[in-house]
Amino acid sequence: MQLGVGTLIAVVAAVALLAVSGETGVWRIAVLVGFAVALGTLSAVLLSPATRRAPQASAPRPAAPDADQPGPATAARQPAYAHQSH
């Protein structure tokens, strides 16, 4: 699939570059086609699964908090000062 995507991008880029530039010289056309092929190759490499970052394994979960110690969600709901508690 990456080869097909890279080829498609290279062909589209070559056609677009040749259409926009209007070049007629053989060497200039060769440079534009070479640039399009390089663009297609780069896009195929960047779209490949090997270059994508693999999902990282989740970090181990901390042990369950003790019943007498409030967890972070409970601590956030407690008032800032003890004398203001209900």
C-alpha atoms as a PDB file:
ATOM      1  CA  MET A   1       0.000   0.000   0.000  1.00  0.00           C
ATOM      2  CA  GLN A   2       2.847   2.392   0.799  1.00  0.00           C
ATOM      3  CA  LEU A   3       4.341   1.759  -2.630  1.00  0.00           C
ATOM      4  CA  GLY A   4       1.018   2.630  -4.252  1.00  0.00           C
ATOM      5  CA  VAL A   5       0.617   5.808  -2.203  1.00  0.00           C
ATOM      6  CA  GLY A   6       4.201   6.863  -2.916  1.00  0.00           C
ATOM      7  CA  THR A   7       3.783   6.207  -6.627  1.00  0.00           C
ATOM      8  CA  LEU A   8       0.504   8.105  -6.751  1.00  0.00           C
ATOM      9  CA  ILE A   9       2.006  11.106  -4.959  1.00  0.00           C
ATOM     10  CA  ALA A  10       5.061  11.039  -7.254  1.00  0.00           C
ATOM     11  CA  VAL A  11       2.919  10.949 -10.401  1.00  0.00           C
ATOM     12  CA  VAL A  12       0.575  13.690  -9.207  1.00  0.00           C
ATOM     13  CA  ALA A  13       3.511  15.849  -8.125  1.00  0.00           C
ATOM     14  CA  ALA A  14       5.283  15.323 -11.465  1.00  0.00           C
ATOM     15  CA  VAL A  15       2.185  16.206 -13.463  1.00  0.00           C
ATOM     16  CA  ALA A  16       1.498  19.270 -11.336  1.00  0.00           C
ATOM     17  CA  LEU A  17       5.099  20.488 -11.478  1.00  0.00           C
ATOM     18  CA  LEU A  18       5.316  20.001 -15.229  1.00  0.00           C
ATOM     19  CA  ALA A  19       1.974  21.699 -15.811  1.00  0.00           C
ATOM     20  CA  VAL A  20       2.792  24.698 -13.646  1.00  0.00           C
ATOM     21  CA  SER A  21       6.393  25.180 -14.775  1.00  0.00           C
ATOM     22  CA  GLY A  22       5.859  24.893 -18.521  1.00  0.00           C
ATOM     23  CA  GLU A  23       9.460  23.681 -18.949  1.00  0.00           C
ATOM     24  CA  THR A  24      10.485  22.167 -22.282  1.00  0.00           C
ATOM     25  CA  GLY A  25      14.170  21.385 -21.657  1.00  0.00           C
ATOM     26  CA  VAL A  26      15.036  17.748 -21.098  1.00  0.00           C
ATOM     27  CA  TRP A  27      17.293  18.416 -18.103  1.00  0.00           C
ATOM     28  CA  ARG A  28      14.820  20.734 -16.430  1.00  0.00           C
ATOM     29  CA  ILE A  29      12.018  18.195 -16.871  1.00  0.00           C
ATOM     30  CA  ALA A  30      14.327  15.496 -15.467  1.00  0.00           C
ATOM     31  CA  VAL A  31      14.984  17.646 -12.402  1.00  0.00           C
ATOM     32  CA  LEU A  32      11.261  18.221 -11.857  1.00  0.00           C
ATOM     33  CA  VAL A  33      10.479  14.509 -12.243  1.00  0.00           C
ATOM     34  CA  GLY A  34      13.344  13.651  -9.882  1.00  0.00           C
ATOM     35  CA  PHE A  35      11.953  16.082  -7.328  1.00  0.00           C
ATOM     36  CA  ALA A  36       8.510  14.497  -7.671  1.00  0.00           C
ATOM     37  CA  VAL A  37       9.963  11.008  -7.192  1.00  0.00           C
ATOM     38  CA  ALA A  38      11.830  12.188  -4.105  1.00  0.00           C
ATOM     39  CA  LEU A  39       8.599  13.676  -2.766  1.00  0.00           C
ATOM     40  CA  GLY A  40       6.741  10.419  -3.388  1.00  0.00           C
ATOM     41  CA  THR A  41       9.497   8.411  -1.705  1.00  0.00           C
ATOM     42  CA  LEU A  42       9.531  10.711   1.300  1.00  0.00           C
ATOM     43  CA  SER A  43       5.760  10.514   1.667  1.00  0.00           C
ATOM     44  CA  ALA A  44       5.814   6.715   1.435  1.00  0.00           C
ATOM     45  CA  VAL A  45       8.487   6.544   4.141  1.00  0.00           C
ATOM     46  CA  LEU A  46       6.649   8.962   6.411  1.00  0.00           C
ATOM     47  CA  LEU A  47       3.352   7.125   5.963  1.00  0.00           C
ATOM     48  CA  SER A  48       4.851   3.718   6.710  1.00  0.00           C
ATOM     49  CA  PRO A  49       3.848   2.062   9.991  1.00  0.00           C
ATOM     50  CA  ALA A  50       7.492   1.667  11.013  1.00  0.00           C
ATOM     51  CA  THR A  51       7.927   5.441  11.325  1.00  0.00           C
ATOM     52  CA  ARG A  52       4.806   5.918  13.380  1.00  0.00           C
ATOM     53  CA  ARG A  53       5.338   5.956  17.121  1.00  0.00           C
ATOM     54  CA  ALA A  54       4.227   2.710  18.672  1.00  0.00           C
ATOM     55  CA  PRO A  55       1.774   3.063  21.533  1.00  0.00           C
ATOM     56  CA  GLN A  56       3.623   2.952  24.784  1.00  0.00           C
ATOM     57  CA  ALA A  57       2.768   0.337  27.339  1.00  0.00           C
ATOM     58  CA  SER A  58       0.704   1.830  30.092  1.00  0.00           C
ATOM     59  CA  ALA A  59       2.522   2.533  33.300  1.00  0.00           C
ATOM     60  CA  PRO A  60       1.794   0.183  36.180  1.00  0.00           C
ATOM     61  CA  ARG A  61      -1.065   1.376  38.309  1.00  0.00           C
ATOM     62  CA  PRO A  62      -0.289   2.364  41.876  1.00  0.00           C
ATOM     63  CA  ALA A  63      -1.602   0.186  44.634  1.00  0.00           C
ATOM     64  CA  ALA A  64      -5.101   0.924  45.879  1.00  0.00           C
ATOM     65  CA  PRO A  65      -5.087   3.646  48.534  1.00  0.00           C
ATOM     66  CA  ASP A  66      -5.804   2.725  52.105  1.00  0.00           C
ATOM     67  CA  ALA A  67      -9.361   3.227  53.299  1.00  0.00           C
ATOM     68  CA  ASP A  68      -8.306   5.793  55.912  1.00  0.00           C
ATOM     69  CA  GLN A  69      -6.323   7.903  53.408  1.00  0.00           C
ATOM     70  CA  PRO A  70      -8.318   9.889  50.865  1.00  0.00           C
ATOM     71  CA  GLY A  71      -7.404   9.481  47.214  1.00  0.00           C
ATOM     72  CA  PRO A  72      -6.678  12.432  44.915  1.00  0.00           C
ATOM     73  CA  ALA A  73     -10.315  12.762  43.805  1.00  0.00           C
ATOM     74  CA  THR A  74     -11.538  12.761  47.420  1.00  0.00           C
ATOM     75  CA  ALA A  75      -8.844  15.177  48.547  1.00  0.00           C
ATOM     76  CA  ALA A  76      -9.824  17.656  45.838  1.00  0.00           C
ATOM     77  CA  ARG A  77     -13.402  17.782  47.141  1.00  0.00           C
ATOM     78  CA  GLN A  78     -12.428  18.405  50.758  1.00  0.00           C
ATOM     79  CA  PRO A  79     -12.406  21.992  51.997  1.00  0.00           C
ATOM     80  CA  ALA A  80      -9.095  23.762  52.319  1.00  0.00           C
ATOM     81  CA  TYR A  81      -9.455  24.393  56.072  1.00  0.00           C
ATOM     82  CA  ALA A  82     -10.658  21.893  58.632  1.00  0.00           C
ATOM     83  CA  HIS A  83     -12.786  24.431  60.527  1.00  0.00           C
ATOM     84  CA  GLN A  84     -14.885  25.025  57.361  1.00  0.00           C
ATOM     85  CA  SER A  85     -15.963  21.400  57.021  1.00  0.00           C
ATOM     86  CA  HIS A  86     -19.629  20.543  57.486  1.00  0.00           C
END
